[in-house]
Amino acid sequence: MLADTHTQRVLDLASQKGLLRASDLDAIKAPRVVLTRLTAAGLLNKVGRGLYRLPGHPGSEHESLATIATKVPQAVFCLLTALQFHELTTQLPRQVWIAMPRGSHVPRIDYPPIKMVQMTGDVYSEGIETVEGDGVVLHVYGVAKTVADCFKHRNKIGLDVALEALKDVRAKRRASADDLWRYAKICRVANVMRPYLEAVE
């Protein structure tokens, strides 16, 4: 009977959280072997190493971000991934772009593929927005910071992407010129962005 109570508690937790980590079982004092049994019985789906969810649970479009946020809590979604998150690009990035503090190792994640950039000080810590997706807290750079980051990393993603993002943001009034200017200074790309900012005003 003991196993049944664990089973029910684990299934309840999975339905409450959406995305269940193996470590979440510690809180309800359930042995991890329950996950193996539930997966074998088809009552849970394994979606990544140490990550599970109920079959038929609608994975949101941010599911891959939730998977990464669960495993790498200090990751901040940036560049193309942040543009996609804010619906500011027509491109579908093949990898998930994350920012990590300088000196971080690239997280070992089987799926989804990630691309990491290292940032220091204010460049890493400023402009982070916290949103919830699939019951997981996601950290993503806001619109103005993302545009400045795109200019800073234009060699990696292309100047055309940065320009498209800037035009889009101003046309849709998603960020003020002051905000864009503030992050341009933080990211030390004010001189690069100035002519483009003036052109879209």
N, C-alpha and C. Protein backbone atom coordinates (compact mmCIF):
# COMPACT_ATOMS: atom_id res chain seq x y z
N MET A 1 0.83 -1.21 0.00
CA MET A 1 0.00 0.00 0.00
C MET A 1 0.87 1.26 0.00
N LEU A 2 2.03 1.13 0.64
CA LEU A 2 2.94 2.27 0.74
C LEU A 2 3.26 2.85 -0.65
N ALA A 3 3.55 1.93 -1.58
CA ALA A 3 3.90 2.37 -2.94
C ALA A 3 2.77 3.18 -3.57
N ASP A 4 1.51 2.77 -3.30
CA ASP A 4 0.37 3.47 -3.89
C ASP A 4 0.27 4.91 -3.41
N THR A 5 0.53 5.12 -2.10
CA THR A 5 0.45 6.51 -1.61
C THR A 5 1.55 7.35 -2.26
N HIS A 6 2.75 6.76 -2.41
CA HIS A 6 3.83 7.49 -3.09
C HIS A 6 3.42 7.81 -4.52
N THR A 7 2.86 6.81 -5.19
CA THR A 7 2.45 6.98 -6.58
C THR A 7 1.49 8.16 -6.70
N GLN A 8 0.47 8.17 -5.86
CA GLN A 8 -0.53 9.24 -5.93
C GLN A 8 0.08 10.61 -5.63
N ARG A 9 0.97 10.63 -4.63
CA ARG A 9 1.58 11.92 -4.25
C ARG A 9 2.45 12.45 -5.39
N VAL A 10 3.17 11.54 -6.02
CA VAL A 10 4.04 11.95 -7.14
C VAL A 10 3.20 12.45 -8.32
N LEU A 11 2.12 11.74 -8.63
CA LEU A 11 1.24 12.16 -9.73
C LEU A 11 0.57 13.50 -9.43
N ASP A 12 0.17 13.68 -8.16
CA ASP A 12 -0.44 14.97 -7.76
C ASP A 12 0.57 16.10 -7.94
N LEU A 13 1.80 15.84 -7.52
CA LEU A 13 2.85 16.86 -7.62
C LEU A 13 3.13 17.19 -9.09
N ALA A 14 3.15 16.15 -9.93
CA ALA A 14 3.40 16.37 -11.36
C ALA A 14 2.29 17.21 -11.97
N SER A 15 1.05 16.96 -11.54
CA SER A 15 -0.05 17.71 -12.15
C SER A 15 -0.03 19.16 -11.64
N GLN A 16 0.44 19.36 -10.42
CA GLN A 16 0.51 20.70 -9.85
C GLN A 16 1.66 21.52 -10.48
N LYS A 17 2.81 20.87 -10.66
CA LYS A 17 4.00 21.59 -11.14
C LYS A 17 4.11 21.66 -12.66
N GLY A 18 3.50 20.71 -13.37
CA GLY A 18 3.66 20.69 -14.82
C GLY A 18 4.93 19.96 -15.21
N LEU A 19 6.06 20.47 -14.76
CA LEU A 19 7.35 19.83 -15.06
C LEU A 19 7.93 19.39 -13.73
N LEU A 20 8.16 18.10 -13.59
CA LEU A 20 8.59 17.53 -12.31
C LEU A 20 10.06 17.15 -12.38
N ARG A 21 10.82 17.61 -11.39
CA ARG A 21 12.23 17.22 -11.29
C ARG A 21 12.35 16.04 -10.35
N ALA A 22 13.32 15.19 -10.59
CA ALA A 22 13.55 14.06 -9.68
C ALA A 22 13.76 14.56 -8.25
N SER A 23 14.45 15.70 -8.12
CA SER A 23 14.74 16.24 -6.78
C SER A 23 13.48 16.73 -6.06
N ASP A 24 12.39 17.00 -6.82
CA ASP A 24 11.14 17.44 -6.18
C ASP A 24 10.56 16.36 -5.26
N LEU A 25 10.95 15.11 -5.49
CA LEU A 25 10.40 14.01 -4.69
C LEU A 25 10.88 14.06 -3.25
N ASP A 26 12.03 14.71 -3.02
CA ASP A 26 12.54 14.80 -1.65
C ASP A 26 11.54 15.49 -0.74
N ALA A 27 10.88 16.52 -1.28
CA ALA A 27 9.94 17.30 -0.47
C ALA A 27 8.76 16.46 0.02
N ILE A 28 8.38 15.45 -0.78
CA ILE A 28 7.23 14.63 -0.36
C ILE A 28 7.71 13.25 0.13
N LYS A 29 9.03 13.15 0.36
CA LYS A 29 9.64 11.93 0.90
C LYS A 29 9.26 10.67 0.11
N ALA A 30 9.28 10.81 -1.21
CA ALA A 30 8.98 9.66 -2.06
C ALA A 30 10.30 9.17 -2.68
N PRO A 31 10.53 7.87 -2.73
CA PRO A 31 11.76 7.36 -3.34
C PRO A 31 11.75 7.59 -4.86
N ARG A 32 12.93 7.83 -5.41
CA ARG A 32 13.01 8.16 -6.85
C ARG A 32 12.63 7.00 -7.75
N VAL A 33 12.68 5.79 -7.20
CA VAL A 33 12.33 4.62 -8.00
C VAL A 33 10.87 4.71 -8.47
N VAL A 34 10.07 5.48 -7.74
CA VAL A 34 8.66 5.67 -8.13
C VAL A 34 8.59 6.26 -9.55
N LEU A 35 9.54 7.16 -9.86
CA LEU A 35 9.55 7.79 -11.20
C LEU A 35 9.78 6.74 -12.28
N THR A 36 10.70 5.83 -12.02
CA THR A 36 10.99 4.76 -12.99
C THR A 36 9.75 3.90 -13.20
N ARG A 37 9.08 3.56 -12.08
CA ARG A 37 7.88 2.72 -12.18
C ARG A 37 6.76 3.42 -12.94
N LEU A 38 6.56 4.69 -12.60
CA LEU A 38 5.48 5.45 -13.25
C LEU A 38 5.75 5.63 -14.74
N THR A 39 7.01 5.83 -15.09
CA THR A 39 7.38 5.99 -16.50
C THR A 39 7.14 4.68 -17.24
N ALA A 40 7.57 3.56 -16.61
CA ALA A 40 7.38 2.24 -17.23
C ALA A 40 5.90 1.93 -17.41
N ALA A 41 5.08 2.40 -16.46
CA ALA A 41 3.64 2.13 -16.53
C ALA A 41 2.91 3.10 -17.47
N GLY A 42 3.67 4.08 -18.02
CA GLY A 42 3.05 5.04 -18.94
C GLY A 42 2.26 6.13 -18.23
N LEU A 43 2.46 6.26 -16.90
CA LEU A 43 1.74 7.30 -16.15
C LEU A 43 2.51 8.61 -16.10
N LEU A 44 3.80 8.54 -16.46
CA LEU A 44 4.64 9.75 -16.54
C LEU A 44 5.46 9.65 -17.81
N ASN A 45 5.75 10.79 -18.40
CA ASN A 45 6.66 10.82 -19.56
C ASN A 45 7.97 11.46 -19.12
N LYS A 46 9.07 10.87 -19.56
CA LYS A 46 10.38 11.48 -19.28
C LYS A 46 10.67 12.46 -20.40
N VAL A 47 10.89 13.73 -20.05
CA VAL A 47 11.11 14.74 -21.11
C VAL A 47 12.56 15.20 -21.19
N GLY A 48 13.37 14.73 -20.27
CA GLY A 48 14.79 15.10 -20.26
C GLY A 48 15.41 14.39 -19.08
N ARG A 49 16.72 14.52 -18.93
CA ARG A 49 17.37 13.83 -17.82
C ARG A 49 16.85 14.41 -16.50
N GLY A 50 16.20 13.53 -15.71
CA GLY A 50 15.69 13.98 -14.40
C GLY A 50 14.45 14.87 -14.49
N LEU A 51 13.79 14.91 -15.65
CA LEU A 51 12.59 15.76 -15.81
C LEU A 51 11.44 14.92 -16.34
N TYR A 52 10.28 15.08 -15.72
CA TYR A 52 9.11 14.26 -16.06
C TYR A 52 7.87 15.13 -16.13
N ARG A 53 6.86 14.64 -16.86
CA ARG A 53 5.57 15.31 -16.80
C ARG A 53 4.48 14.31 -17.16
N LEU A 54 3.24 14.66 -16.84
CA LEU A 54 2.12 13.76 -17.11
C LEU A 54 1.90 13.65 -18.61
N PRO A 55 1.57 12.42 -19.10
CA PRO A 55 1.27 12.31 -20.53
C PRO A 55 0.03 13.14 -20.82
N GLY A 56 0.03 13.77 -21.98
CA GLY A 56 -1.15 14.58 -22.32
C GLY A 56 -1.12 15.95 -21.68
N HIS A 57 -0.12 16.20 -20.82
CA HIS A 57 -0.01 17.55 -20.24
C HIS A 57 0.43 18.46 -21.37
N PRO A 58 -0.35 19.52 -21.64
CA PRO A 58 0.03 20.36 -22.77
C PRO A 58 1.34 21.08 -22.49
N GLY A 59 2.40 20.69 -23.18
CA GLY A 59 3.65 21.41 -23.01
C GLY A 59 3.48 22.76 -23.70
N SER A 60 3.88 23.82 -23.04
CA SER A 60 3.70 25.13 -23.65
C SER A 60 4.81 25.37 -24.66
N GLU A 61 4.68 26.48 -25.40
CA GLU A 61 5.73 26.82 -26.37
C GLU A 61 7.03 27.14 -25.63
N HIS A 62 6.92 27.41 -24.34
CA HIS A 62 8.13 27.72 -23.58
C HIS A 62 8.70 26.51 -22.86
N GLU A 63 8.25 25.33 -23.28
CA GLU A 63 8.66 24.12 -22.56
C GLU A 63 10.17 23.92 -22.55
N SER A 64 10.81 24.17 -23.70
CA SER A 64 12.26 23.97 -23.73
C SER A 64 12.96 24.96 -22.79
N LEU A 65 12.38 26.18 -22.66
CA LEU A 65 12.96 27.16 -21.73
C LEU A 65 12.77 26.68 -20.30
N ALA A 66 11.59 26.12 -20.02
CA ALA A 66 11.30 25.62 -18.67
C ALA A 66 12.26 24.49 -18.32
N THR A 67 12.56 23.65 -19.31
CA THR A 67 13.49 22.53 -19.08
C THR A 67 14.86 23.08 -18.66
N ILE A 68 15.33 24.11 -19.37
CA ILE A 68 16.65 24.68 -19.06
C ILE A 68 16.61 25.41 -17.72
N ALA A 69 15.56 26.20 -17.49
CA ALA A 69 15.46 26.97 -16.23
C ALA A 69 15.44 26.05 -15.02
N THR A 70 14.84 24.87 -15.19
CA THR A 70 14.78 23.91 -14.09
C THR A 70 16.17 23.39 -13.76
N LYS A 71 16.96 23.16 -14.79
CA LYS A 71 18.29 22.57 -14.57
C LYS A 71 19.36 23.63 -14.30
N VAL A 72 19.18 24.82 -14.85
CA VAL A 72 20.21 25.87 -14.73
C VAL A 72 19.53 27.16 -14.26
N PRO A 73 19.22 27.25 -12.97
CA PRO A 73 18.43 28.39 -12.48
C PRO A 73 19.07 29.76 -12.73
N GLN A 74 20.41 29.83 -12.85
CA GLN A 74 21.04 31.15 -13.06
C GLN A 74 21.08 31.56 -14.53
N ALA A 75 20.58 30.71 -15.41
CA ALA A 75 20.57 31.05 -16.84
C ALA A 75 19.54 32.14 -17.11
N VAL A 76 19.93 33.13 -17.92
CA VAL A 76 19.00 34.17 -18.34
C VAL A 76 18.86 34.04 -19.85
N PHE A 77 17.63 33.93 -20.33
CA PHE A 77 17.41 33.77 -21.77
C PHE A 77 17.70 35.09 -22.45
N CYS A 78 18.48 35.03 -23.53
CA CYS A 78 18.95 36.27 -24.15
C CYS A 78 18.94 36.15 -25.67
N LEU A 79 19.34 37.24 -26.31
CA LEU A 79 19.53 37.31 -27.76
C LEU A 79 18.35 36.73 -28.54
N LEU A 80 18.60 35.78 -29.45
CA LEU A 80 17.52 35.30 -30.33
C LEU A 80 16.38 34.67 -29.55
N THR A 81 16.72 33.98 -28.45
CA THR A 81 15.68 33.33 -27.65
C THR A 81 14.81 34.38 -26.97
N ALA A 82 15.43 35.45 -26.46
CA ALA A 82 14.66 36.53 -25.83
C ALA A 82 13.80 37.26 -26.88
N LEU A 83 14.36 37.46 -28.08
CA LEU A 83 13.58 38.11 -29.15
C LEU A 83 12.35 37.26 -29.48
N GLN A 84 12.56 35.96 -29.57
CA GLN A 84 11.45 35.05 -29.88
C GLN A 84 10.42 35.08 -28.74
N PHE A 85 10.92 35.09 -27.51
CA PHE A 85 10.05 35.11 -26.33
C PHE A 85 9.16 36.37 -26.35
N HIS A 86 9.76 37.49 -26.72
CA HIS A 86 9.00 38.76 -26.77
C HIS A 86 8.28 38.96 -28.10
N GLU A 87 8.30 37.94 -28.95
CA GLU A 87 7.65 37.98 -30.27
C GLU A 87 8.16 39.14 -31.11
N LEU A 88 9.49 39.24 -31.17
CA LEU A 88 10.12 40.34 -31.92
C LEU A 88 10.99 39.84 -33.06
N THR A 89 10.85 38.60 -33.42
CA THR A 89 11.64 38.11 -34.54
C THR A 89 10.84 37.07 -35.31
N THR A 90 11.15 36.98 -36.59
CA THR A 90 10.49 35.98 -37.43
C THR A 90 11.36 34.72 -37.44
N GLN A 91 12.59 34.86 -36.92
CA GLN A 91 13.52 33.72 -36.94
C GLN A 91 13.19 32.73 -35.83
N LEU A 92 13.40 31.46 -36.14
CA LEU A 92 13.26 30.42 -35.12
C LEU A 92 14.66 29.92 -34.81
N PRO A 93 15.22 30.36 -33.67
CA PRO A 93 16.59 29.94 -33.39
C PRO A 93 16.69 28.42 -33.22
N ARG A 94 17.77 27.85 -33.74
CA ARG A 94 17.96 26.40 -33.63
C ARG A 94 18.42 26.02 -32.23
N GLN A 95 19.04 26.98 -31.53
CA GLN A 95 19.48 26.71 -30.17
C GLN A 95 18.80 27.69 -29.22
N VAL A 96 18.82 27.36 -27.96
CA VAL A 96 18.31 28.28 -26.94
C VAL A 96 19.50 29.08 -26.44
N TRP A 97 19.40 30.40 -26.53
CA TRP A 97 20.50 31.28 -26.12
C TRP A 97 20.34 31.64 -24.65
N ILE A 98 21.41 31.40 -23.88
CA ILE A 98 21.37 31.78 -22.47
C ILE A 98 22.60 32.60 -22.12
N ALA A 99 22.42 33.50 -21.16
CA ALA A 99 23.54 34.27 -20.61
C ALA A 99 23.86 33.69 -19.24
N MET A 100 25.15 33.57 -18.97
CA MET A 100 25.60 33.08 -17.66
C MET A 100 26.71 34.01 -17.17
N PRO A 101 26.92 34.06 -15.84
CA PRO A 101 28.00 34.91 -15.32
C PRO A 101 29.35 34.43 -15.85
N ARG A 102 30.27 35.37 -16.03
CA ARG A 102 31.59 35.02 -16.55
C ARG A 102 32.23 33.94 -15.67
N GLY A 103 32.88 32.99 -16.32
CA GLY A 103 33.54 31.91 -15.58
C GLY A 103 32.67 30.67 -15.47
N SER A 104 31.41 30.78 -15.94
CA SER A 104 30.51 29.61 -15.88
C SER A 104 30.89 28.59 -16.95
N HIS A 105 30.64 27.34 -16.63
CA HIS A 105 30.83 26.28 -17.63
C HIS A 105 29.53 26.15 -18.41
N VAL A 106 29.64 25.70 -19.65
CA VAL A 106 28.44 25.45 -20.44
C VAL A 106 27.69 24.29 -19.78
N PRO A 107 26.40 24.51 -19.43
CA PRO A 107 25.66 23.44 -18.77
C PRO A 107 25.55 22.21 -19.68
N ARG A 108 25.64 21.03 -19.06
CA ARG A 108 25.52 19.79 -19.84
C ARG A 108 24.04 19.41 -19.89
N ILE A 109 23.44 19.68 -21.01
CA ILE A 109 22.01 19.38 -21.20
C ILE A 109 21.88 18.65 -22.53
N ASP A 110 21.19 17.52 -22.52
CA ASP A 110 21.03 16.76 -23.76
C ASP A 110 20.13 17.50 -24.75
N TYR A 111 19.05 18.01 -24.22
CA TYR A 111 18.07 18.67 -25.08
C TYR A 111 17.36 19.73 -24.25
N PRO A 112 17.03 20.87 -24.79
CA PRO A 112 17.32 21.38 -26.14
C PRO A 112 18.77 21.86 -26.25
N PRO A 113 19.26 22.00 -27.52
CA PRO A 113 20.63 22.49 -27.69
C PRO A 113 20.74 23.94 -27.20
N ILE A 114 21.83 24.25 -26.50
CA ILE A 114 21.96 25.62 -25.99
C ILE A 114 23.21 26.29 -26.52
N LYS A 115 23.16 27.60 -26.53
CA LYS A 115 24.29 28.44 -26.93
C LYS A 115 24.47 29.41 -25.78
N MET A 116 25.65 29.41 -25.19
CA MET A 116 25.86 30.25 -24.01
C MET A 116 26.76 31.44 -24.31
N VAL A 117 26.38 32.60 -23.76
CA VAL A 117 27.28 33.75 -23.80
C VAL A 117 27.56 34.13 -22.34
N GLN A 118 28.80 34.54 -22.08
CA GLN A 118 29.14 34.94 -20.71
C GLN A 118 29.06 36.45 -20.60
N MET A 119 28.50 36.89 -19.49
CA MET A 119 28.36 38.34 -19.26
C MET A 119 28.86 38.64 -17.85
N THR A 120 29.30 39.89 -17.66
CA THR A 120 29.81 40.26 -16.34
C THR A 120 29.01 41.43 -15.77
N GLY A 121 29.05 41.56 -14.46
CA GLY A 121 28.50 42.72 -13.76
C GLY A 121 27.11 43.11 -14.19
N ASP A 122 26.94 44.41 -14.45
CA ASP A 122 25.64 44.97 -14.84
C ASP A 122 25.12 44.36 -16.14
N VAL A 123 26.04 44.03 -17.03
CA VAL A 123 25.62 43.49 -18.33
C VAL A 123 24.84 42.19 -18.12
N TYR A 124 25.24 41.43 -17.10
CA TYR A 124 24.52 40.18 -16.79
C TYR A 124 23.29 40.46 -15.92
N SER A 125 23.44 41.32 -14.91
CA SER A 125 22.39 41.43 -13.88
C SER A 125 21.27 42.43 -14.19
N GLU A 126 21.50 43.36 -15.10
CA GLU A 126 20.48 44.39 -15.38
C GLU A 126 19.47 43.91 -16.43
N GLY A 127 18.22 44.36 -16.26
CA GLY A 127 17.21 44.14 -17.31
C GLY A 127 16.58 42.76 -17.31
N ILE A 128 16.74 42.02 -16.20
CA ILE A 128 16.16 40.66 -16.16
C ILE A 128 14.70 40.74 -15.74
N GLU A 129 13.85 40.08 -16.50
CA GLU A 129 12.43 39.96 -16.12
C GLU A 129 12.19 38.53 -15.69
N THR A 130 11.30 38.37 -14.72
CA THR A 130 10.98 37.04 -14.23
C THR A 130 9.55 36.71 -14.63
N VAL A 131 9.39 35.61 -15.32
CA VAL A 131 8.05 35.19 -15.75
C VAL A 131 7.88 33.72 -15.42
N GLU A 132 6.64 33.28 -15.34
CA GLU A 132 6.43 31.87 -15.04
C GLU A 132 5.92 31.16 -16.27
N GLY A 133 6.54 30.03 -16.57
CA GLY A 133 6.10 29.22 -17.70
C GLY A 133 6.15 27.76 -17.31
N ASP A 134 5.08 27.04 -17.51
CA ASP A 134 5.03 25.60 -17.15
C ASP A 134 5.33 25.40 -15.67
N GLY A 135 4.90 26.34 -14.83
CA GLY A 135 5.13 26.21 -13.39
C GLY A 135 6.57 26.41 -12.98
N VAL A 136 7.40 26.91 -13.91
CA VAL A 136 8.82 27.13 -13.62
C VAL A 136 9.11 28.61 -13.79
N VAL A 137 9.96 29.17 -12.93
CA VAL A 137 10.33 30.58 -13.06
C VAL A 137 11.39 30.71 -14.16
N LEU A 138 11.09 31.57 -15.13
CA LEU A 138 12.04 31.82 -16.23
C LEU A 138 12.63 33.21 -16.05
N HIS A 139 13.92 33.34 -16.28
CA HIS A 139 14.58 34.65 -16.27
C HIS A 139 14.90 34.99 -17.72
N VAL A 140 14.38 36.11 -18.18
CA VAL A 140 14.60 36.51 -19.57
C VAL A 140 14.88 38.00 -19.59
N TYR A 141 15.80 38.43 -20.46
CA TYR A 141 16.07 39.87 -20.54
C TYR A 141 14.89 40.57 -21.17
N GLY A 142 14.59 41.77 -20.66
CA GLY A 142 13.50 42.58 -21.19
C GLY A 142 13.82 43.06 -22.60
N VAL A 143 12.84 43.70 -23.21
CA VAL A 143 12.94 44.09 -24.61
C VAL A 143 14.13 45.03 -24.87
N ALA A 144 14.25 46.11 -24.11
CA ALA A 144 15.32 47.10 -24.37
C ALA A 144 16.70 46.48 -24.17
N LYS A 145 16.85 45.68 -23.11
CA LYS A 145 18.14 45.04 -22.84
C LYS A 145 18.49 44.06 -23.96
N THR A 146 17.48 43.34 -24.44
CA THR A 146 17.71 42.35 -25.51
C THR A 146 18.22 43.04 -26.78
N VAL A 147 17.63 44.18 -27.11
CA VAL A 147 18.07 44.91 -28.31
C VAL A 147 19.54 45.33 -28.14
N ALA A 148 19.88 45.87 -26.97
CA ALA A 148 21.27 46.28 -26.73
C ALA A 148 22.21 45.07 -26.81
N ASP A 149 21.77 43.94 -26.24
CA ASP A 149 22.57 42.72 -26.32
C ASP A 149 22.80 42.28 -27.76
N CYS A 150 21.76 42.43 -28.59
CA CYS A 150 21.89 42.03 -30.00
C CYS A 150 22.97 42.86 -30.70
N PHE A 151 23.05 44.15 -30.35
CA PHE A 151 24.10 44.98 -30.95
C PHE A 151 25.47 44.57 -30.39
N LYS A 152 25.50 44.27 -29.09
CA LYS A 152 26.77 43.87 -28.48
C LYS A 152 27.30 42.57 -29.09
N HIS A 153 26.39 41.65 -29.39
CA HIS A 153 26.80 40.34 -29.92
C HIS A 153 26.47 40.20 -31.41
N ARG A 154 26.53 41.36 -32.11
CA ARG A 154 26.16 41.36 -33.54
C ARG A 154 27.05 40.44 -34.37
N ASN A 155 28.30 40.21 -33.90
CA ASN A 155 29.18 39.31 -34.66
C ASN A 155 28.69 37.86 -34.58
N LYS A 156 27.97 37.54 -33.50
CA LYS A 156 27.47 36.17 -33.34
C LYS A 156 26.14 35.96 -34.04
N ILE A 157 25.27 37.00 -34.02
CA ILE A 157 23.90 36.78 -34.54
C ILE A 157 23.62 37.56 -35.82
N GLY A 158 24.50 38.52 -36.14
CA GLY A 158 24.31 39.31 -37.37
C GLY A 158 23.72 40.67 -37.07
N LEU A 159 24.29 41.70 -37.69
CA LEU A 159 23.81 43.08 -37.49
C LEU A 159 22.38 43.23 -38.00
N ASP A 160 22.03 42.48 -39.06
CA ASP A 160 20.68 42.59 -39.62
C ASP A 160 19.62 42.20 -38.58
N VAL A 161 19.94 41.20 -37.75
CA VAL A 161 19.00 40.77 -36.71
C VAL A 161 18.81 41.87 -35.68
N ALA A 162 19.93 42.51 -35.28
CA ALA A 162 19.88 43.59 -34.30
C ALA A 162 19.06 44.77 -34.85
N LEU A 163 19.28 45.10 -36.12
CA LEU A 163 18.56 46.23 -36.73
C LEU A 163 17.07 45.93 -36.85
N GLU A 164 16.74 44.71 -37.25
CA GLU A 164 15.34 44.32 -37.38
C GLU A 164 14.65 44.43 -36.01
N ALA A 165 15.36 43.97 -34.97
CA ALA A 165 14.80 44.02 -33.61
C ALA A 165 14.57 45.47 -33.18
N LEU A 166 15.55 46.32 -33.44
CA LEU A 166 15.43 47.74 -33.05
C LEU A 166 14.25 48.41 -33.75
N LYS A 167 14.14 48.18 -35.05
CA LYS A 167 13.03 48.80 -35.82
C LYS A 167 11.68 48.30 -35.30
N ASP A 168 11.61 47.00 -35.07
CA ASP A 168 10.38 46.37 -34.59
C ASP A 168 9.94 46.93 -33.24
N VAL A 169 10.92 47.04 -32.34
CA VAL A 169 10.65 47.52 -30.98
C VAL A 169 10.13 48.95 -31.01
N ARG A 170 10.74 49.78 -31.86
CA ARG A 170 10.30 51.19 -31.93
C ARG A 170 8.96 51.29 -32.65
N ALA A 171 8.75 50.51 -33.72
CA ALA A 171 7.49 50.57 -34.46
C ALA A 171 6.32 50.13 -33.58
N LYS A 172 6.56 49.10 -32.75
CA LYS A 172 5.49 48.58 -31.88
C LYS A 172 5.45 49.27 -30.53
N ARG A 173 6.33 50.26 -30.36
CA ARG A 173 6.43 51.00 -29.10
C ARG A 173 6.60 50.07 -27.89
N ARG A 174 7.49 49.11 -28.04
CA ARG A 174 7.71 48.13 -26.96
C ARG A 174 8.77 48.60 -25.96
N ALA A 175 9.55 49.62 -26.37
CA ALA A 175 10.56 50.18 -25.45
C ALA A 175 10.80 51.62 -25.85
N SER A 176 11.02 52.46 -24.85
CA SER A 176 11.26 53.88 -25.14
C SER A 176 12.71 54.07 -25.58
N ALA A 177 12.94 55.21 -26.26
CA ALA A 177 14.31 55.52 -26.69
C ALA A 177 15.22 55.64 -25.46
N ASP A 178 14.67 56.17 -24.36
CA ASP A 178 15.47 56.33 -23.13
C ASP A 178 15.92 54.97 -22.59
N ASP A 179 14.99 54.01 -22.60
CA ASP A 179 15.34 52.67 -22.12
C ASP A 179 16.41 52.04 -23.00
N LEU A 180 16.22 52.16 -24.30
CA LEU A 180 17.18 51.59 -25.24
C LEU A 180 18.56 52.21 -25.03
N TRP A 181 18.56 53.53 -24.82
CA TRP A 181 19.80 54.27 -24.63
C TRP A 181 20.49 53.83 -23.33
N ARG A 182 19.68 53.65 -22.27
CA ARG A 182 20.23 53.24 -20.96
C ARG A 182 20.95 51.89 -21.09
N TYR A 183 20.31 50.93 -21.76
CA TYR A 183 20.93 49.60 -21.90
C TYR A 183 22.08 49.62 -22.90
N ALA A 184 22.00 50.52 -23.88
CA ALA A 184 23.12 50.66 -24.83
C ALA A 184 24.38 51.07 -24.05
N LYS A 185 24.19 51.95 -23.04
CA LYS A 185 25.33 52.40 -22.24
C LYS A 185 25.83 51.27 -21.34
N ILE A 186 24.88 50.56 -20.69
CA ILE A 186 25.27 49.44 -19.81
C ILE A 186 26.06 48.40 -20.60
N CYS A 187 25.59 48.10 -21.81
CA CYS A 187 26.25 47.08 -22.65
C CYS A 187 27.44 47.64 -23.43
N ARG A 188 27.73 48.92 -23.22
CA ARG A 188 28.84 49.61 -23.88
C ARG A 188 28.75 49.54 -25.40
N VAL A 189 27.55 49.76 -25.92
CA VAL A 189 27.39 49.79 -27.38
C VAL A 189 26.70 51.09 -27.80
N ALA A 190 26.78 52.12 -26.94
CA ALA A 190 26.10 53.39 -27.23
C ALA A 190 26.56 53.98 -28.57
N ASN A 191 27.87 53.93 -28.83
CA ASN A 191 28.39 54.50 -30.07
C ASN A 191 27.93 53.72 -31.29
N VAL A 192 27.82 52.41 -31.12
CA VAL A 192 27.37 51.56 -32.24
C VAL A 192 25.88 51.83 -32.52
N MET A 193 25.10 51.95 -31.44
CA MET A 193 23.65 52.07 -31.61
C MET A 193 23.17 53.47 -31.97
N ARG A 194 23.97 54.49 -31.59
CA ARG A 194 23.50 55.88 -31.76
C ARG A 194 22.94 56.18 -33.14
N PRO A 195 23.69 55.93 -34.24
CA PRO A 195 23.15 56.29 -35.56
C PRO A 195 21.84 55.56 -35.89
N TYR A 196 21.75 54.30 -35.47
CA TYR A 196 20.52 53.52 -35.77
C TYR A 196 19.35 54.02 -34.92
N LEU A 197 19.63 54.35 -33.68
CA LEU A 197 18.58 54.87 -32.81
C LEU A 197 18.03 56.17 -33.37
N GLU A 198 18.96 57.04 -33.82
CA GLU A 198 18.53 58.32 -34.37
C GLU A 198 17.71 58.11 -35.65
N ALA A 199 18.11 57.12 -36.42
CA ALA A 199 17.42 56.86 -37.71
C ALA A 199 15.99 56.38 -37.50
N VAL A 200 15.73 55.64 -36.41
CA VAL A 200 14.37 55.11 -36.24
C VAL A 200 13.47 56.03 -35.41
N GLU A 201 14.05 57.10 -34.86
CA GLU A 201 13.20 58.01 -34.05
C GLU A 201 12.21 58.74 -34.92
